[in-house]
Structure formats: structure tokens, C-alpha cells
Amino acid sequence: MSKQLNSNPARAAISTPIGLLAGFTYPVRAFTLLFQTPKLWGYVLVPVALNFIIGIGLYLGLLFPSLEGIDTLVADLSVRFNALIASLPAWLSFLAVLTVGFGWLLRILLVAGLLLIIGFLLVQFGVILGSPWYGQLSQQLELLRNGQLPAEEPMSLSSIFQDIKRAIAFELRKLQILLSVGIPLLLLNFVPGVGSIFGSLGGIALGATLVCLDFLDAPLERRRRPFREKLEIIRGSLPASGSFGLVCFGLVSIPLLNLLAIPLCVTAGTLFFCDRIWPHRFATEEKNVDRQTNIAN
């Protein structure tokens, strides 16, 4: 399907904006589905309670102390700039107004960055601690949407250790990407002029990619896909996966709303998988396996 679209420039040109817009709609679709399916609420309520506890800890431990630090930093910079302006000729006194504007702009950017960081941390802790419920939620959604699930290995002590090993490896690979890409992006902020712009845009793209990995992981992990293939699936689903990751990153960065956003985005990720990934990558193979199993029985 994707090869056919790529071979037809006209169809590819049409599908690109449609896919971009479609990615933004999945949290709304997820909310509608959850609202209309009470049997799924049990998989949502416990993780929401966990997110509430984690969120309180993060906001008390990081947000309020950091806000005080931001105010101190901006005030200190304002004093330094004002002292510098006072030593300049009188006709440059208008720069004092620019100093006030710069102070507010810097405060807004730092607070926005702080909220993005806290939201990202909330996703990491929330997804890990809520994974038993999110796994069941994703499984029930996929069964409801596709009418079938991939064959799974019987649960055993060995399989449990393998799952733990894969989960740790997944988090380590995300941390590797965060450090290898995030540190250069952070250093870009020290480049005068456009450095901060590129650094901020790159940071948002990095956060959206990691969030997309988290919220698409449940159905992909059921199929034991390696980390590199998960990244390739996200890349192959662009631009829809990009807009999906961006809107989810935004939702988990909004205080209070992000306490409810994680199960919503897990639901949205499973719906995204069922609609835009499973039909092209897994449907034929899994239907053949299911057909062969039915014949054997």
C-alpha cells in the first residue's frame, strides 16, 4: 500500500495532508470510544489514580522550586542588563524597555520548557507503573477493533523475565536517544541567533518521537518487535505519526490535564496502530496464522 502511494505522486500529495490531520484526531477518537465503552473504564481508573499521585510528587518536587529559580534567574539577568544600560549613553535608555520584554519572553520560554520536561517525566513514570492496566486496555481495544489478537507465548517464569528484560532494554534505548540527540540540541541554545529556535524545535520533535514510541509500544510489544523496527514503523507512518506524537506530547505537558492524558493517549495509540499500521504491516500474516490455526483445530 505505502509503495503504491509512493509510486503515485498525485496520491502521495493528497495522502500527506490527510495523514497529517488524521494524526491530530486520535485523542478525540479515543475519548469518544472510552466514553461509549464502560467495560474499559476499569483499565483507566487505576492508572489515573497512579498518575495523580506521581503528578503531585513531580509538581511539588520540581515545578514550584523551579519556578522560584526561574524568577531568581530572570531578576538577576534584569539587574545585570539594567546596570549595563545605565553605563551606556542616554540616547540608548530605550533599551530598558527591551530588557523588560526580554525578561518576560525568557520567563515564558523557561516555564514552557519546564512543563514539557515534567510532562515527559510523568509519561515515563506513568507508563511504566501503569503498564499492567495499559497492556490490558490496549489488548481489549485491539480485540474490539480488529476482532483478533496475535498469538502469545504461554506465561512462564522464563517469559516474565524476558518481558522485564525487553522493558528495561526499551527504556535504555530511549535514554540513549534522549542523551545522544538531546545534549546537542541543548548546546544549540548557546548559539546566538537561531540556535535557540532550532534547539527548541528539535527538542519538541525529540519529545514527540519518544512519546509516540511510548503510546504505540503496547501493540508493537505484543508482537515482540525490536526497537529499531519500532522506530522504522513510526518513520514509515509519517506524517500521521508525527502529528499524533506532537498532539500527545502537548496533552501530557498541560498541568492537571496530563493526569488524564496518559490512558487517553494509550487508547489513541492503539487505535492509531489498528487503523494505520496493522492493515499494512501485520494483517495478512496474522490472518494467515489464524486461518491455519483454525484449520488445524
Protein backbone atom coordinates (compact mmCIF):
# COMPACT_ATOMS: atom_id res chain seq x y z
CA MET A 1 0.00 0.00 0.00
CA SER A 2 2.69 2.50 1.01
CA LYS A 3 4.78 1.57 -2.03
CA GLN A 4 1.81 2.21 -4.28
CA LEU A 5 1.29 5.62 -2.73
CA ASN A 6 4.95 6.49 -3.14
CA SER A 7 4.89 5.44 -6.77
CA ASN A 8 1.98 7.76 -7.47
CA PRO A 9 2.98 11.37 -6.70
CA ALA A 10 -0.58 12.67 -7.03
CA ARG A 11 -1.97 10.21 -4.49
CA ALA A 12 1.01 10.79 -2.17
CA ALA A 13 0.42 14.55 -2.33
CA ILE A 14 -3.22 14.02 -1.34
CA SER A 15 -2.50 11.49 1.42
CA THR A 16 0.18 13.61 3.11
CA PRO A 17 -2.04 16.43 4.44
CA ILE A 18 -4.85 13.96 5.19
CA GLY A 19 -2.46 11.82 7.24
CA LEU A 20 -1.09 14.90 8.99
CA LEU A 21 -4.56 15.97 10.06
CA ALA A 22 -5.63 12.42 10.94
CA GLY A 23 -2.83 12.06 13.48
CA PHE A 24 -4.20 15.02 15.45
CA THR A 25 -7.68 13.45 15.72
CA TYR A 26 -6.80 10.21 17.53
CA PRO A 27 -7.05 11.53 21.11
CA VAL A 28 -10.58 12.75 20.30
CA ARG A 29 -11.46 9.36 18.81
CA ALA A 30 -10.01 7.68 21.90
CA PHE A 31 -12.08 9.83 24.25
CA THR A 32 -15.25 9.05 22.30
CA LEU A 33 -14.55 5.31 22.33
CA LEU A 34 -13.75 5.23 26.05
CA PHE A 35 -16.87 7.25 26.85
CA GLN A 36 -19.02 4.82 24.86
CA THR A 37 -17.40 1.63 26.24
CA PRO A 38 -17.91 1.38 30.03
CA LYS A 39 -16.27 -2.06 30.21
CA LEU A 40 -12.91 -0.38 29.52
CA TRP A 41 -13.17 2.11 32.37
CA GLY A 42 -11.67 -0.32 34.88
CA TYR A 43 -8.40 -0.30 32.91
CA VAL A 44 -8.31 3.50 33.12
CA LEU A 45 -9.30 4.38 36.70
CA VAL A 46 -6.37 2.70 38.49
CA PRO A 47 -3.68 4.25 36.21
CA VAL A 48 -5.34 7.67 36.59
CA ALA A 49 -5.06 7.33 40.39
CA LEU A 50 -1.39 6.38 39.99
CA ASN A 51 -0.81 9.34 37.66
CA PHE A 52 -2.42 11.65 40.21
CA ILE A 53 -0.01 10.50 42.92
CA ILE A 54 3.00 10.71 40.57
CA GLY A 55 1.89 14.12 39.28
CA ILE A 56 1.58 15.59 42.77
CA GLY A 57 5.09 14.38 43.59
CA LEU A 58 6.59 15.79 40.39
CA TYR A 59 4.86 19.17 40.68
CA LEU A 60 5.71 19.60 44.36
CA GLY A 61 9.26 18.38 43.85
CA LEU A 62 10.09 20.09 40.55
CA LEU A 63 7.60 22.71 39.43
CA PHE A 64 7.35 25.10 42.39
CA PRO A 65 11.07 25.09 43.30
CA SER A 66 11.95 25.53 39.62
CA LEU A 67 9.53 28.47 39.24
CA GLU A 68 11.30 30.21 42.11
CA GLY A 69 14.62 29.51 40.41
CA ILE A 70 13.35 30.94 37.12
CA ASP A 71 12.17 34.13 38.87
CA THR A 72 15.56 34.50 40.55
CA LEU A 73 17.41 33.92 37.28
CA VAL A 74 15.30 36.43 35.32
CA ALA A 75 15.58 39.04 38.10
CA ASP A 76 19.36 38.61 38.23
CA LEU A 77 19.67 38.97 34.45
CA SER A 78 17.43 42.07 34.53
CA VAL A 79 19.67 43.69 37.17
CA ARG A 80 22.76 42.93 35.08
CA PHE A 81 21.20 44.31 31.89
CA ASN A 82 19.95 47.43 33.66
CA ALA A 83 23.42 48.05 35.10
CA LEU A 84 24.88 47.65 31.63
CA ILE A 85 22.31 50.03 30.11
CA ALA A 86 22.99 52.62 32.84
CA SER A 87 26.61 52.79 31.68
CA LEU A 88 25.56 53.49 28.06
CA PRO A 89 24.79 56.92 26.56
CA ALA A 90 21.42 58.44 27.48
CA TRP A 91 20.00 58.06 24.00
CA LEU A 92 20.18 54.26 24.46
CA SER A 93 17.91 54.36 27.51
CA PHE A 94 15.07 52.87 25.43
CA LEU A 95 16.86 49.52 25.79
CA ALA A 96 15.44 49.30 29.31
CA VAL A 97 12.01 48.62 27.77
CA LEU A 98 13.53 45.84 25.65
CA THR A 99 15.05 44.38 28.81
CA VAL A 100 11.59 44.07 30.39
CA GLY A 101 10.22 42.40 27.24
CA PHE A 102 13.19 40.05 27.07
CA GLY A 103 12.69 39.13 30.73
CA TRP A 104 9.06 38.14 30.17
CA LEU A 105 9.91 36.23 26.98
CA LEU A 106 12.67 34.32 28.75
CA ARG A 107 10.34 33.55 31.66
CA ILE A 108 7.65 32.21 29.29
CA LEU A 109 10.14 30.03 27.39
CA LEU A 110 11.67 28.61 30.58
CA VAL A 111 8.27 27.85 32.14
CA ALA A 112 7.08 26.20 28.89
CA GLY A 113 10.24 24.10 28.78
CA LEU A 114 9.79 23.15 32.43
CA LEU A 115 6.20 22.00 31.81
CA LEU A 116 7.37 19.92 28.83
CA ILE A 117 10.05 18.25 30.95
CA ILE A 118 7.65 17.48 33.80
CA GLY A 119 5.08 16.16 31.33
CA PHE A 120 7.71 13.92 29.74
CA LEU A 121 8.77 12.58 33.16
CA LEU A 122 5.13 11.95 34.06
CA VAL A 123 4.72 9.88 30.89
CA GLN A 124 7.80 7.80 31.68
CA PHE A 125 6.79 7.01 35.27
CA GLY A 126 3.08 6.75 34.46
CA VAL A 127 3.52 4.35 31.55
CA ILE A 128 5.91 2.11 33.49
CA LEU A 129 3.84 1.89 36.69
CA GLY A 130 0.54 1.63 34.84
CA SER A 131 1.79 -0.86 32.24
CA PRO A 132 -0.23 -3.88 33.54
CA TRP A 133 -3.50 -1.95 33.12
CA TYR A 134 -2.44 -0.22 29.90
CA GLY A 135 -1.43 -3.57 28.42
CA GLN A 136 -4.88 -4.99 29.15
CA LEU A 137 -6.57 -1.81 27.89
CA SER A 138 -4.63 -1.96 24.61
CA GLN A 139 -5.34 -5.67 24.26
CA GLN A 140 -9.09 -5.22 24.72
CA LEU A 141 -9.11 -2.29 22.29
CA GLU A 142 -7.29 -4.27 19.62
CA LEU A 143 -9.66 -7.20 20.07
CA LEU A 144 -12.61 -4.83 19.83
CA ARG A 145 -11.21 -3.08 16.76
CA ASN A 146 -9.66 -5.94 14.77
CA GLY A 147 -11.54 -8.92 16.17
CA GLN A 148 -8.33 -10.83 16.85
CA LEU A 149 -5.03 -10.74 18.72
CA PRO A 150 -1.60 -12.10 17.79
CA ALA A 151 -0.68 -15.49 19.21
CA GLU A 152 1.15 -15.15 22.52
CA GLU A 153 3.54 -17.45 24.35
CA PRO A 154 2.14 -19.17 27.46
CA MET A 155 3.07 -17.27 30.63
CA SER A 156 6.01 -18.81 32.48
CA LEU A 157 8.85 -17.70 34.71
CA SER A 158 11.11 -17.51 31.66
CA SER A 159 8.65 -15.38 29.69
CA ILE A 160 8.23 -12.99 32.64
CA PHE A 161 12.00 -12.47 32.84
CA GLN A 162 12.10 -11.94 29.07
CA ASP A 163 9.38 -9.29 29.33
CA ILE A 164 11.28 -7.50 32.10
CA LYS A 165 14.48 -7.67 30.08
CA ARG A 166 12.77 -6.23 27.00
CA ALA A 167 11.13 -3.46 29.04
CA ILE A 168 14.48 -2.42 30.55
CA ALA A 169 16.16 -2.55 27.13
CA PHE A 170 13.37 -0.39 25.67
CA GLU A 171 13.85 2.29 28.32
CA LEU A 172 17.64 2.21 27.92
CA ARG A 173 17.36 2.70 24.15
CA LYS A 174 15.04 5.67 24.68
CA LEU A 175 17.51 7.10 27.19
CA GLN A 176 20.30 6.62 24.64
CA ILE A 177 18.33 8.60 22.05
CA LEU A 178 17.46 11.27 24.61
CA LEU A 179 21.10 11.80 25.56
CA SER A 180 22.66 11.48 22.09
CA VAL A 181 20.17 13.87 20.48
CA GLY A 182 19.05 15.97 23.45
CA ILE A 183 22.51 17.11 24.59
CA PRO A 184 23.47 18.57 21.15
CA LEU A 185 20.06 20.26 20.99
CA LEU A 186 20.64 21.72 24.44
CA LEU A 187 24.02 23.06 23.35
CA LEU A 188 22.37 24.73 20.36
CA ASN A 189 20.68 27.13 22.78
CA PHE A 190 24.09 28.72 23.43
CA VAL A 191 24.50 29.58 19.74
CA PRO A 192 23.47 33.23 19.23
CA GLY A 193 20.56 34.00 16.94
CA VAL A 194 18.77 30.97 15.51
CA GLY A 195 20.40 28.46 17.89
CA SER A 196 17.59 28.68 20.46
CA ILE A 197 14.93 28.36 17.76
CA PHE A 198 16.45 25.21 16.26
CA GLY A 199 17.18 23.81 19.70
CA SER A 200 13.56 24.33 20.84
CA LEU A 201 12.06 22.89 17.65
CA GLY A 202 14.42 19.92 17.80
CA GLY A 203 13.56 19.33 21.45
CA ILE A 204 9.84 19.28 20.66
CA ALA A 205 10.43 16.85 17.77
CA LEU A 206 12.54 14.62 20.04
CA GLY A 207 9.90 14.66 22.79
CA ALA A 208 7.12 13.88 20.30
CA THR A 209 9.11 10.93 18.91
CA LEU A 210 9.75 9.42 22.36
CA VAL A 211 6.12 9.94 23.39
CA CYS A 212 5.00 8.31 20.14
CA LEU A 213 7.21 5.31 20.95
CA ASP A 214 5.59 5.04 24.39
CA PHE A 215 1.98 5.19 23.20
CA LEU A 216 2.45 2.84 20.24
CA ASP A 217 4.52 0.37 22.23
CA ALA A 218 1.74 -1.85 23.65
CA PRO A 219 0.53 -3.38 20.34
CA LEU A 220 4.06 -3.47 18.89
CA GLU A 221 5.46 -5.12 22.01
CA ARG A 222 2.75 -7.80 21.82
CA ARG A 223 4.38 -8.72 18.50
CA ARG A 224 7.89 -8.67 20.04
CA ARG A 225 9.18 -6.11 17.53
CA PRO A 226 12.76 -4.90 18.09
CA PHE A 227 13.38 -1.26 18.98
CA ARG A 228 14.87 -0.39 15.60
CA GLU A 229 11.79 -1.73 13.82
CA LYS A 230 9.52 0.29 16.12
CA LEU A 231 11.36 3.43 15.07
CA GLU A 232 11.09 2.39 11.43
CA ILE A 233 7.34 1.85 11.79
CA ILE A 234 6.95 5.34 13.22
CA ARG A 235 9.05 6.79 10.39
CA GLY A 236 7.04 4.86 7.81
CA SER A 237 3.78 6.18 9.28
CA LEU A 238 4.75 9.84 8.81
CA PRO A 239 3.27 12.42 8.68
CA ALA A 240 0.37 10.95 10.72
CA SER A 241 2.69 9.54 13.40
CA GLY A 242 4.40 12.94 13.67
CA SER A 243 1.17 14.84 14.30
CA PHE A 244 -0.03 12.07 16.64
CA GLY A 245 3.17 12.27 18.69
CA LEU A 246 3.02 16.07 18.72
CA VAL A 247 -0.57 16.28 20.00
CA CYS A 248 0.11 13.62 22.65
CA PHE A 249 3.27 15.46 23.75
CA GLY A 250 1.20 18.61 24.08
CA LEU A 251 -1.52 16.87 26.10
CA VAL A 252 0.89 15.33 28.60
CA SER A 253 2.58 18.72 29.06
CA ILE A 254 -0.55 20.57 30.26
CA PRO A 255 -0.76 20.58 34.07
CA LEU A 256 -3.71 18.64 35.56
CA LEU A 257 -4.90 17.53 32.11
CA ASN A 258 -1.83 15.32 31.83
CA LEU A 259 -3.06 13.26 34.78
CA LEU A 260 -5.86 12.01 32.50
CA ALA A 261 -3.96 12.23 29.21
CA ILE A 262 -1.79 9.11 29.53
CA PRO A 263 -4.59 6.47 29.38
CA LEU A 264 -6.26 8.59 26.70
CA CYS A 265 -3.06 8.58 24.62
CA VAL A 266 -2.51 4.84 25.20
CA THR A 267 -6.01 4.31 23.80
CA ALA A 268 -5.28 6.69 20.93
CA GLY A 269 -2.02 4.88 20.17
CA THR A 270 -3.77 1.51 19.92
CA LEU A 271 -6.43 3.00 17.65
CA PHE A 272 -3.68 4.55 15.52
CA PHE A 273 -1.99 1.16 15.29
CA CYS A 274 -5.21 -0.63 14.34
CA ASP A 275 -6.11 1.92 11.65
CA ARG A 276 -2.78 2.92 10.12
CA ILE A 277 -0.16 0.25 10.93
CA TRP A 278 -1.80 -3.15 11.38
CA PRO A 279 -3.61 -3.29 7.97
CA HIS A 280 -0.39 -2.69 6.02
CA ARG A 281 2.22 -4.49 8.11
CA PHE A 282 0.62 -7.28 10.11
CA ALA A 283 -2.91 -8.08 8.90
CA THR A 284 -2.07 -10.54 6.11
CA GLU A 285 0.45 -12.52 8.15
CA GLU A 286 -1.69 -12.71 11.29
CA LYS A 287 -4.86 -13.61 9.39
CA ASN A 288 -2.99 -16.45 7.66
CA VAL A 289 -1.71 -17.73 11.01
CA ASP A 290 -5.21 -17.51 12.47
CA ARG A 291 -6.65 -19.35 9.46
CA GLN A 292 -4.07 -22.12 9.72
CA THR A 293 -4.75 -22.47 13.44
CA ASN A 294 -8.48 -22.84 12.80
CA ILE A 295 -7.83 -25.46 10.13
CA ALA A 296 -5.52 -27.40 12.46
CA ASN A 297 -8.18 -27.35 15.19
